[in-house]
Structure formats: structure tokens, C-alpha cells
Amino acid sequence: MRELEVPNTAKIDEDAFEILRVWIANQQQHVSIRIGVWNDPMIWGMMLADLARHLANAYNQQHGYSFDNTVNRIREGFDVELDSPTDFPSGGIVDN
């Protein structure tokens, strides 16, 4: 398994906890989600927007891509997938 490094700030904060983990296994996406963090699903949308900006920063740093163009491409992909899904999630809730 190839796990990502836990951010240093999370390592030193004894109250830190993981909210989302995404894996590619058998050429499919698999996720674990800590769903009880926020009552309003809109906050997840805000978190996804923050994640898009982190991705845009990473693409800029690694490949020199424009931040704004990268955010727009991510938004395009998000909208396309929501409008015409290529996959439908399955699975269930597991206590952790």
C-alpha cells in the first residue's frame, strides 16, 4: 500500500482526526468518510472547494499550471460528473 504522509500539524495536534480517505484499488475509487463532522452538507461542498484550491496550488508548484485555469478544470470535471455520472457509489456505513 502507498499511503500519503500525515500532515505535520495533524501529527502534533492531539485533537486532530481524519475526515476523508480516497484510494484507488482494482482500478476503482474507494472511500472512507467520517460523516458526522458537520450537520450541514453544504460544509462538505466548502471543504471540496478548499481541496480544489489545494490541488490547483500543487499543479502550479509541480507543473507550472495556472491556478485559476486549474480550478476551472476541476470545476468542469466536478460538474460533468455530477450531471452525467460515470459511476454510482455503493457500500455502507461502518462504525469506527
PDB file of N, CA and C in Angstrom:
ATOM      1  N   MET A   1       0.849  -1.186   0.000  1.00  0.00           N
ATOM      2  CA  MET A   1       0.000   0.000   0.000  1.00  0.00           C
ATOM      3  C   MET A   1       0.888   1.241   0.000  1.00  0.00           C
ATOM      4  N   ARG A   2       0.425   2.254  -0.703  1.00  0.00           N
ATOM      5  CA  ARG A   2       1.158   3.523  -0.767  1.00  0.00           C
ATOM      6  C   ARG A   2       0.303   4.609  -0.146  1.00  0.00           C
ATOM      7  N   GLU A   3       0.476   4.812   1.155  1.00  0.00           N
ATOM      8  CA  GLU A   3      -0.274   5.832   1.879  1.00  0.00           C
ATOM      9  C   GLU A   3       0.456   7.167   1.810  1.00  0.00           C
ATOM     10  N   LEU A   4      -0.320   8.240   1.857  1.00  0.00           N
ATOM     11  CA  LEU A   4       0.259   9.574   1.931  1.00  0.00           C
ATOM     12  C   LEU A   4       0.698   9.868   3.360  1.00  0.00           C
ATOM     13  N   GLU A   5       1.613  10.798   3.477  1.00  0.00           N
ATOM     14  CA  GLU A   5       2.105  11.231   4.778  1.00  0.00           C
ATOM     15  C   GLU A   5       1.022  12.044   5.502  1.00  0.00           C
ATOM     16  N   VAL A   6       0.917  11.847   6.799  1.00  0.00           N
ATOM     17  CA  VAL A   6       0.011  12.657   7.619  1.00  0.00           C
ATOM     18  C   VAL A   6       0.644  14.041   7.762  1.00  0.00           C
ATOM     19  N   PRO A   7      -0.123  15.124   7.551  1.00  0.00           N
ATOM     20  CA  PRO A   7       0.442  16.472   7.688  1.00  0.00           C
ATOM     21  C   PRO A   7       1.028  16.689   9.090  1.00  0.00           C
ATOM     22  N   ASN A   8       2.137  17.423   9.147  1.00  0.00           N
ATOM     23  CA  ASN A   8       2.811  17.658  10.425  1.00  0.00           C
ATOM     24  C   ASN A   8       1.893  18.272  11.471  1.00  0.00           C
ATOM     25  N   THR A   9       1.069  19.227  11.075  1.00  0.00           N
ATOM     26  CA  THR A   9       0.156  19.863  12.022  1.00  0.00           C
ATOM     27  C   THR A   9      -0.785  18.842  12.636  1.00  0.00           C
ATOM     28  N   ALA A  10      -1.260  17.895  11.843  1.00  0.00           N
ATOM     29  CA  ALA A  10      -2.150  16.851  12.361  1.00  0.00           C
ATOM     30  C   ALA A  10      -1.403  15.927  13.320  1.00  0.00           C
ATOM     31  N   LYS A  11      -0.126  15.697  13.055  1.00  0.00           N
ATOM     32  CA  LYS A  11       0.669  14.832  13.930  1.00  0.00           C
ATOM     33  C   LYS A  11       0.819  15.411  15.329  1.00  0.00           C
ATOM     34  N   ILE A  12       0.931  16.735  15.424  1.00  0.00           N
ATOM     35  CA  ILE A  12       1.187  17.345  16.730  1.00  0.00           C
ATOM     36  C   ILE A  12      -0.079  17.801  17.447  1.00  0.00           C
ATOM     37  N   ASP A  13      -1.213  17.798  16.765  1.00  0.00           N
ATOM     38  CA  ASP A  13      -2.486  18.184  17.388  1.00  0.00           C
ATOM     39  C   ASP A  13      -3.177  16.930  17.902  1.00  0.00           C
ATOM     40  N   GLU A  14      -3.244  16.784  19.220  1.00  0.00           N
ATOM     41  CA  GLU A  14      -3.833  15.567  19.791  1.00  0.00           C
ATOM     42  C   GLU A  14      -5.330  15.459  19.526  1.00  0.00           C
ATOM     43  N   ASP A  15      -5.965  16.555  19.097  1.00  0.00           N
ATOM     44  CA  ASP A  15      -7.395  16.524  18.775  1.00  0.00           C
ATOM     45  C   ASP A  15      -7.657  16.347  17.278  1.00  0.00           C
ATOM     46  N   ALA A  16      -6.609  16.209  16.482  1.00  0.00           N
ATOM     47  CA  ALA A  16      -6.770  16.064  15.029  1.00  0.00           C
ATOM     48  C   ALA A  16      -7.436  14.732  14.696  1.00  0.00           C
ATOM     49  N   PHE A  17      -8.208  14.729  13.605  1.00  0.00           N
ATOM     50  CA  PHE A  17      -8.828  13.487  13.133  1.00  0.00           C
ATOM     51  C   PHE A  17      -9.011  13.567  11.629  1.00  0.00           C
ATOM     52  N   GLU A  18      -9.027  12.406  11.005  1.00  0.00           N
ATOM     53  CA  GLU A  18      -9.167  12.297   9.558  1.00  0.00           C
ATOM     54  C   GLU A  18     -10.651  12.320   9.197  1.00  0.00           C
ATOM     55  N   ILE A  19     -10.998  13.026   8.098  1.00  0.00           N
ATOM     56  CA  ILE A  19     -12.403  13.079   7.683  1.00  0.00           C
ATOM     57  C   ILE A  19     -12.663  12.383   6.353  1.00  0.00           C
ATOM     58  N   LEU A  20     -11.622  12.173   5.558  1.00  0.00           N
ATOM     59  CA  LEU A  20     -11.823  11.599   4.227  1.00  0.00           C
ATOM     60  C   LEU A  20     -10.564  10.869   3.785  1.00  0.00           C
ATOM     61  N   ARG A  21     -10.755   9.682   3.244  1.00  0.00           N
ATOM     62  CA  ARG A  21      -9.643   8.916   2.677  1.00  0.00           C
ATOM     63  C   ARG A  21     -10.129   8.347   1.347  1.00  0.00           C
ATOM     64  N   VAL A  22      -9.346   8.538   0.290  1.00  0.00           N
ATOM     65  CA  VAL A  22      -9.708   8.059  -1.046  1.00  0.00           C
ATOM     66  C   VAL A  22      -8.578   7.167  -1.556  1.00  0.00           C
ATOM     67  N   TRP A  23      -8.942   5.973  -1.988  1.00  0.00           N
ATOM     68  CA  TRP A  23      -7.973   5.012  -2.510  1.00  0.00           C
ATOM     69  C   TRP A  23      -8.360   4.611  -3.936  1.00  0.00           C
ATOM     70  N   ILE A  24      -7.361   4.277  -4.725  1.00  0.00           N
ATOM     71  CA  ILE A  24      -7.578   3.606  -6.000  1.00  0.00           C
ATOM     72  C   ILE A  24      -7.120   2.165  -5.792  1.00  0.00           C
ATOM     73  N   ALA A  25      -8.043   1.232  -5.909  1.00  0.00           N
ATOM     74  CA  ALA A  25      -7.740  -0.192  -5.758  1.00  0.00           C
ATOM     75  C   ALA A  25      -8.549  -0.956  -6.798  1.00  0.00           C
ATOM     76  N   ASN A  26      -7.913  -1.902  -7.454  1.00  0.00           N
ATOM     77  CA  ASN A  26      -8.563  -2.641  -8.540  1.00  0.00           C
ATOM     78  C   ASN A  26      -9.152  -1.694  -9.577  1.00  0.00           C
ATOM     79  N   GLN A  27      -8.427  -0.611  -9.831  1.00  0.00           N
ATOM     80  CA  GLN A  27      -8.790   0.403 -10.829  1.00  0.00           C
ATOM     81  C   GLN A  27     -10.124   1.079 -10.536  1.00  0.00           C
ATOM     82  N   GLN A  28     -10.506   1.112  -9.267  1.00  0.00           N
ATOM     83  CA  GLN A  28     -11.737   1.796  -8.860  1.00  0.00           C
ATOM     84  C   GLN A  28     -11.450   2.660  -7.639  1.00  0.00           C
ATOM     85  N   GLN A  29     -12.300   3.648  -7.440  1.00  0.00           N
ATOM     86  CA  GLN A  29     -12.182   4.541  -6.302  1.00  0.00           C
ATOM     87  C   GLN A  29     -12.898   3.937  -5.089  1.00  0.00           C
ATOM     88  N   HIS A  30     -12.233   3.993  -3.946  1.00  0.00           N
ATOM     89  CA  HIS A  30     -12.801   3.502  -2.692  1.00  0.00           C
ATOM     90  C   HIS A  30     -12.589   4.582  -1.639  1.00  0.00           C
ATOM     91  N   VAL A  31     -13.627   4.880  -0.868  1.00  0.00           N
ATOM     92  CA  VAL A  31     -13.529   5.979   0.093  1.00  0.00           C
ATOM     93  C   VAL A  31     -13.973   5.556   1.488  1.00  0.00           C
ATOM     94  N   SER A  32     -13.394   6.240   2.455  1.00  0.00           N
ATOM     95  CA  SER A  32     -13.850   6.181   3.841  1.00  0.00           C
ATOM     96  C   SER A  32     -14.140   7.619   4.245  1.00  0.00           C
ATOM     97  N   ILE A  33     -15.303   7.850   4.839  1.00  0.00           N
ATOM     98  CA  ILE A  33     -15.737   9.203   5.181  1.00  0.00           C
ATOM     99  C   ILE A  33     -16.204   9.232   6.632  1.00  0.00           C
ATOM    100  N   ARG A  34     -15.730  10.236   7.375  1.00  0.00           N
ATOM    101  CA  ARG A  34     -16.244  10.480   8.718  1.00  0.00           C
ATOM    102  C   ARG A  34     -17.398  11.474   8.557  1.00  0.00           C
ATOM    103  N   ILE A  35     -18.604  10.947   8.469  1.00  0.00           N
ATOM    104  CA  ILE A  35     -19.766  11.736   8.060  1.00  0.00           C
ATOM    105  C   ILE A  35     -20.310  12.660   9.154  1.00  0.00           C
ATOM    106  N   GLY A  36     -20.109  12.357  10.415  1.00  0.00           N
ATOM    107  CA  GLY A  36     -20.736  13.124  11.487  1.00  0.00           C
ATOM    108  C   GLY A  36     -20.045  14.411  11.873  1.00  0.00           C
ATOM    109  N   VAL A  37     -19.122  14.879  11.058  1.00  0.00           N
ATOM    110  CA  VAL A  37     -18.347  16.068  11.399  1.00  0.00           C
ATOM    111  C   VAL A  37     -19.193  17.334  11.317  1.00  0.00           C
ATOM    112  N   TRP A  38     -19.957  17.479  10.250  1.00  0.00           N
ATOM    113  CA  TRP A  38     -20.783  18.667  10.036  1.00  0.00           C
ATOM    114  C   TRP A  38     -22.221  18.236   9.781  1.00  0.00           C
ATOM    115  N   ASN A  39     -23.163  18.958  10.373  1.00  0.00           N
ATOM    116  CA  ASN A  39     -24.584  18.650  10.175  1.00  0.00           C
ATOM    117  C   ASN A  39     -25.086  19.119   8.815  1.00  0.00           C
ATOM    118  N   ASP A  40     -24.543  20.215   8.316  1.00  0.00           N
ATOM    119  CA  ASP A  40     -24.996  20.796   7.051  1.00  0.00           C
ATOM    120  C   ASP A  40     -24.113  20.289   5.907  1.00  0.00           C
ATOM    121  N   PRO A  41     -24.676  19.555   4.942  1.00  0.00           N
ATOM    122  CA  PRO A  41     -23.878  19.045   3.822  1.00  0.00           C
ATOM    123  C   PRO A  41     -23.172  20.142   3.020  1.00  0.00           C
ATOM    124  N   MET A  42     -23.668  21.387   3.096  1.00  0.00           N
ATOM    125  CA  MET A  42     -23.020  22.474   2.374  1.00  0.00           C
ATOM    126  C   MET A  42     -21.568  22.644   2.818  1.00  0.00           C
ATOM    127  N   ILE A  43     -21.284  22.348   4.078  1.00  0.00           N
ATOM    128  CA  ILE A  43     -19.918  22.488   4.579  1.00  0.00           C
ATOM    129  C   ILE A  43     -18.984  21.520   3.850  1.00  0.00           C
ATOM    130  N   TRP A  44     -19.497  20.345   3.486  1.00  0.00           N
ATOM    131  CA  TRP A  44     -18.686  19.420   2.675  1.00  0.00           C
ATOM    132  C   TRP A  44     -18.360  20.058   1.327  1.00  0.00           C
ATOM    133  N   GLY A  45     -19.321  20.785   0.749  1.00  0.00           N
ATOM    134  CA  GLY A  45     -19.062  21.487  -0.507  1.00  0.00           C
ATOM    135  C   GLY A  45     -17.953  22.515  -0.351  1.00  0.00           C
ATOM    136  N   MET A  46     -17.962  23.219   0.778  1.00  0.00           N
ATOM    137  CA  MET A  46     -16.903  24.195   1.046  1.00  0.00           C
ATOM    138  C   MET A  46     -15.552  23.496   1.206  1.00  0.00           C
ATOM    139  N   MET A  47     -15.555  22.347   1.865  1.00  0.00           N
ATOM    140  CA  MET A  47     -14.319  21.581   2.031  1.00  0.00           C
ATOM    141  C   MET A  47     -13.804  21.116   0.671  1.00  0.00           C
ATOM    142  N   LEU A  48     -14.717  20.678  -0.213  1.00  0.00           N
ATOM    143  CA  LEU A  48     -14.306  20.251  -1.553  1.00  0.00           C
ATOM    144  C   LEU A  48     -13.733  21.426  -2.351  1.00  0.00           C
ATOM    145  N   ALA A  49     -14.291  22.627  -2.162  1.00  0.00           N
ATOM    146  CA  ALA A  49     -13.747  23.818  -2.824  1.00  0.00           C
ATOM    147  C   ALA A  49     -12.341  24.117  -2.304  1.00  0.00           C
ATOM    148  N   ASP A  50     -12.147  24.003  -0.984  1.00  0.00           N
ATOM    149  CA  ASP A  50     -10.805  24.186  -0.418  1.00  0.00           C
ATOM    150  C   ASP A  50      -9.838  23.158  -1.000  1.00  0.00           C
ATOM    151  N   LEU A  51     -10.297  21.919  -1.124  1.00  0.00           N
ATOM    152  CA  LEU A  51      -9.470  20.854  -1.694  1.00  0.00           C
ATOM    153  C   LEU A  51      -9.093  21.181  -3.144  1.00  0.00           C
ATOM    154  N   ALA A  52     -10.041  21.724  -3.906  1.00  0.00           N
ATOM    155  CA  ALA A  52      -9.751  22.119  -5.293  1.00  0.00           C
ATOM    156  C   ALA A  52      -8.633  23.157  -5.325  1.00  0.00           C
ATOM    157  N   ARG A  53      -8.657  24.090  -4.384  1.00  0.00           N
ATOM    158  CA  ARG A  53      -7.599  25.104  -4.344  1.00  0.00           C
ATOM    159  C   ARG A  53      -6.248  24.490  -3.952  1.00  0.00           C
ATOM    160  N   HIS A  54      -6.262  23.528  -3.036  1.00  0.00           N
ATOM    161  CA  HIS A  54      -5.015  22.824  -2.702  1.00  0.00           C
ATOM    162  C   HIS A  54      -4.463  22.107  -3.936  1.00  0.00           C
ATOM    163  N   LEU A  55      -5.349  21.461  -4.691  1.00  0.00           N
ATOM    164  CA  LEU A  55      -4.925  20.779  -5.918  1.00  0.00           C
ATOM    165  C   LEU A  55      -4.354  21.768  -6.930  1.00  0.00           C
ATOM    166  N   ALA A  56      -5.007  22.924  -7.070  1.00  0.00           N
ATOM    167  CA  ALA A  56      -4.521  23.942  -8.004  1.00  0.00           C
ATOM    168  C   ALA A  56      -3.138  24.435  -7.588  1.00  0.00           C
ATOM    169  N   ASN A  57      -2.928  24.626  -6.289  1.00  0.00           N
ATOM    170  CA  ASN A  57      -1.597  25.014  -5.806  1.00  0.00           C
ATOM    171  C   ASN A  57      -0.565  23.948  -6.151  1.00  0.00           C
ATOM    172  N   ALA A  58      -0.926  22.683  -5.939  1.00  0.00           N
ATOM    173  CA  ALA A  58       0.002  21.585  -6.215  1.00  0.00           C
ATOM    174  C   ALA A  58       0.344  21.513  -7.705  1.00  0.00           C
ATOM    175  N   TYR A  59      -0.652  21.649  -8.570  1.00  0.00           N
ATOM    176  CA  TYR A  59      -0.398  21.626 -10.013  1.00  0.00           C
ATOM    177  C   TYR A  59       0.466  22.812 -10.434  1.00  0.00           C
ATOM    178  N   ASN A  60       0.250  23.955  -9.795  1.00  0.00           N
ATOM    179  CA  ASN A  60       1.064  25.124 -10.093  1.00  0.00           C
ATOM    180  C   ASN A  60       2.513  24.889  -9.680  1.00  0.00           C
ATOM    181  N   GLN A  61       2.707  24.355  -8.481  1.00  0.00           N
ATOM    182  CA  GLN A  61       4.062  24.125  -7.978  1.00  0.00           C
ATOM    183  C   GLN A  61       4.790  23.039  -8.764  1.00  0.00           C
ATOM    184  N   GLN A  62       4.086  21.974  -9.113  1.00  0.00           N
ATOM    185  CA  GLN A  62       4.754  20.843  -9.758  1.00  0.00           C
ATOM    186  C   GLN A  62       4.863  20.989 -11.277  1.00  0.00           C
ATOM    187  N   HIS A  63       3.861  21.601 -11.899  1.00  0.00           N
ATOM    188  CA  HIS A  63       3.831  21.646 -13.366  1.00  0.00           C
ATOM    189  C   HIS A  63       3.782  23.064 -13.941  1.00  0.00           C
ATOM    190  N   GLY A  64       3.649  24.073 -13.080  1.00  0.00           N
ATOM    191  CA  GLY A  64       3.566  25.445 -13.560  1.00  0.00           C
ATOM    192  C   GLY A  64       2.211  25.825 -14.129  1.00  0.00           C
ATOM    193  N   TYR A  65       1.195  24.994 -13.897  1.00  0.00           N
ATOM    194  CA  TYR A  65      -0.146  25.289 -14.416  1.00  0.00           C
ATOM    195  C   TYR A  65      -0.723  26.521 -13.711  1.00  0.00           C
ATOM    196  N   SER A  66      -1.521  27.270 -14.428  1.00  0.00           N
ATOM    197  CA  SER A  66      -2.207  28.425 -13.865  1.00  0.00           C
ATOM    198  C   SER A  66      -3.177  27.984 -12.769  1.00  0.00           C
ATOM    199  N   PHE A  67      -3.125  28.681 -11.632  1.00  0.00           N
ATOM    200  CA  PHE A  67      -4.028  28.376 -10.525  1.00  0.00           C
ATOM    201  C   PHE A  67      -5.484  28.472 -10.975  1.00  0.00           C
ATOM    202  N   ASP A  68      -5.860  29.601 -11.581  1.00  0.00           N
ATOM    203  CA  ASP A  68      -7.258  29.814 -11.981  1.00  0.00           C
ATOM    204  C   ASP A  68      -7.719  28.806 -13.024  1.00  0.00           C
ATOM    205  N   ASN A  69      -6.877  28.525 -14.024  1.00  0.00           N
ATOM    206  CA  ASN A  69      -7.258  27.541 -15.042  1.00  0.00           C
ATOM    207  C   ASN A  69      -7.436  26.158 -14.431  1.00  0.00           C
ATOM    208  N   THR A  70      -6.586  25.818 -13.478  1.00  0.00           N
ATOM    209  CA  THR A  70      -6.691  24.508 -12.840  1.00  0.00           C
ATOM    210  C   THR A  70      -7.973  24.402 -12.029  1.00  0.00           C
ATOM    211  N   VAL A  71      -8.302  25.434 -11.268  1.00  0.00           N
ATOM    212  CA  VAL A  71      -9.563  25.424 -10.514  1.00  0.00           C
ATOM    213  C   VAL A  71     -10.741  25.292 -11.472  1.00  0.00           C
ATOM    214  N   ASN A  72     -10.696  26.007 -12.585  1.00  0.00           N
ATOM    215  CA  ASN A  72     -11.786  25.917 -13.566  1.00  0.00           C
ATOM    216  C   ASN A  72     -11.902  24.518 -14.160  1.00  0.00           C
ATOM    217  N   ARG A  73     -10.779  23.869 -14.452  1.00  0.00           N
ATOM    218  CA  ARG A  73     -10.816  22.497 -14.994  1.00  0.00           C
ATOM    219  C   ARG A  73     -11.379  21.523 -13.960  1.00  0.00           C
ATOM    220  N   ILE A  74     -10.996  21.702 -12.702  1.00  0.00           N
ATOM    221  CA  ILE A  74     -11.540  20.856 -11.635  1.00  0.00           C
ATOM    222  C   ILE A  74     -13.047  21.059 -11.545  1.00  0.00           C
ATOM    223  N   ARG A  75     -13.485  22.315 -11.604  1.00  0.00           N
ATOM    224  CA  ARG A  75     -14.922  22.615 -11.549  1.00  0.00           C
ATOM    225  C   ARG A  75     -15.651  21.986 -12.736  1.00  0.00           C
ATOM    226  N   GLU A  76     -15.050  22.063 -13.923  1.00  0.00           N
ATOM    227  CA  GLU A  76     -15.654  21.434 -15.107  1.00  0.00           C
ATOM    228  C   GLU A  76     -15.821  19.932 -14.885  1.00  0.00           C
ATOM    229  N   GLY A  77     -14.779  19.283 -14.399  1.00  0.00           N
ATOM    230  CA  GLY A  77     -14.861  17.846 -14.140  1.00  0.00           C
ATOM    231  C   GLY A  77     -15.904  17.509 -13.092  1.00  0.00           C
ATOM    232  N   PHE A  78     -15.987  18.324 -12.058  1.00  0.00           N
ATOM    233  CA  PHE A  78     -16.976  18.139 -10.997  1.00  0.00           C
ATOM    234  C   PHE A  78     -18.390  18.233 -11.571  1.00  0.00           C
ATOM    235  N   ASP A  79     -18.632  19.294 -12.344  1.00  0.00           N
ATOM    236  CA  ASP A  79     -19.960  19.496 -12.931  1.00  0.00           C
ATOM    237  C   ASP A  79     -20.327  18.385 -13.914  1.00  0.00           C
ATOM    238  N   VAL A  80     -19.377  17.982 -14.762  1.00  0.00           N
ATOM    239  CA  VAL A  80     -19.637  16.914 -15.730  1.00  0.00           C
ATOM    240  C   VAL A  80     -20.013  15.630 -15.006  1.00  0.00           C
ATOM    241  N   GLU A  81     -19.266  15.280 -13.960  1.00  0.00           N
ATOM    242  CA  GLU A  81     -19.527  14.030 -13.241  1.00  0.00           C
ATOM    243  C   GLU A  81     -20.855  14.087 -12.485  1.00  0.00           C
ATOM    244  N   LEU A  82     -21.192  15.243 -11.908  1.00  0.00           N
ATOM    245  CA  LEU A  82     -22.486  15.359 -11.225  1.00  0.00           C
ATOM    246  C   LEU A  82     -23.647  15.278 -12.212  1.00  0.00           C
ATOM    247  N   ASP A  83     -23.479  15.889 -13.385  1.00  0.00           N
ATOM    248  CA  ASP A  83     -24.552  15.905 -14.380  1.00  0.00           C
ATOM    249  C   ASP A  83     -24.730  14.563 -15.094  1.00  0.00           C
ATOM    250  N   SER A  84     -23.638  13.852 -15.335  1.00  0.00           N
ATOM    251  CA  SER A  84     -23.681  12.565 -16.047  1.00  0.00           C
ATOM    252  C   SER A  84     -22.711  11.593 -15.379  1.00  0.00           C
ATOM    253  N   PRO A  85     -23.120  10.980 -14.276  1.00  0.00           N
ATOM    254  CA  PRO A  85     -22.203  10.122 -13.515  1.00  0.00           C
ATOM    255  C   PRO A  85     -21.659   8.954 -14.336  1.00  0.00           C
ATOM    256  N   THR A  86     -20.366   8.705 -14.152  1.00  0.00           N
ATOM    257  CA  THR A  86     -19.734   7.543 -14.769  1.00  0.00           C
ATOM    258  C   THR A  86     -19.718   6.362 -13.810  1.00  0.00           C
ATOM    259  N   ASP A  87     -20.125   6.609 -12.568  1.00  0.00           N
ATOM    260  CA  ASP A  87     -20.128   5.569 -11.544  1.00  0.00           C
ATOM    261  C   ASP A  87     -21.129   5.974 -10.466  1.00  0.00           C
ATOM    262  N   PHE A  88     -21.713   4.983  -9.819  1.00  0.00           N
ATOM    263  CA  PHE A  88     -22.621   5.255  -8.719  1.00  0.00           C
ATOM    264  C   PHE A  88     -22.059   4.611  -7.462  1.00  0.00           C
ATOM    265  N   PRO A  89     -21.913   5.396  -6.385  1.00  0.00           N
ATOM    266  CA  PRO A  89     -21.325   4.860  -5.162  1.00  0.00           C
ATOM    267  C   PRO A  89     -22.131   3.697  -4.604  1.00  0.00           C
ATOM    268  N   SER A  90     -21.414   2.770  -4.006  1.00  0.00           N
ATOM    269  CA  SER A  90     -22.046   1.667  -3.303  1.00  0.00           C
ATOM    270  C   SER A  90     -21.336   1.528  -1.964  1.00  0.00           C
ATOM    271  N   GLY A  91     -21.825   0.667  -1.136  1.00  0.00           N
ATOM    272  CA  GLY A  91     -21.207   0.474   0.168  1.00  0.00           C
ATOM    273  C   GLY A  91     -22.158   0.891   1.264  1.00  0.00           C
ATOM    274  N   GLY A  92     -21.640   0.982   2.446  1.00  0.00           N
ATOM    275  CA  GLY A  92     -22.487   1.323   3.570  1.00  0.00           C
ATOM    276  C   GLY A  92     -21.689   1.928   4.700  1.00  0.00           C
ATOM    277  N   ILE A  93     -22.366   2.126   5.802  1.00  0.00           N
ATOM    278  CA  ILE A  93     -21.766   2.741   6.976  1.00  0.00           C
ATOM    279  C   ILE A  93     -21.152   1.660   7.850  1.00  0.00           C
ATOM    280  N   VAL A  94     -19.921   1.922   8.279  1.00  0.00           N
ATOM    281  CA  VAL A  94     -19.210   1.018   9.177  1.00  0.00           C
ATOM    282  C   VAL A  94     -18.798   1.827  10.394  1.00  0.00           C
ATOM    283  N   ASP A  95     -19.100   1.354  11.578  1.00  0.00           N
ATOM    284  CA  ASP A  95     -18.672   2.051  12.790  1.00  0.00           C
ATOM    285  C   ASP A  95     -17.165   1.973  12.914  1.00  0.00           C
ATOM    286  N   ASN A  96     -16.587   3.098  13.348  1.00  0.00           N
ATOM    287  CA  ASN A  96     -15.138   3.139  13.500  1.00  0.00           C
ATOM    288  C   ASN A  96     -14.793   3.687  14.852  1.00  0.00           C
TER     289      ASN A  96
END
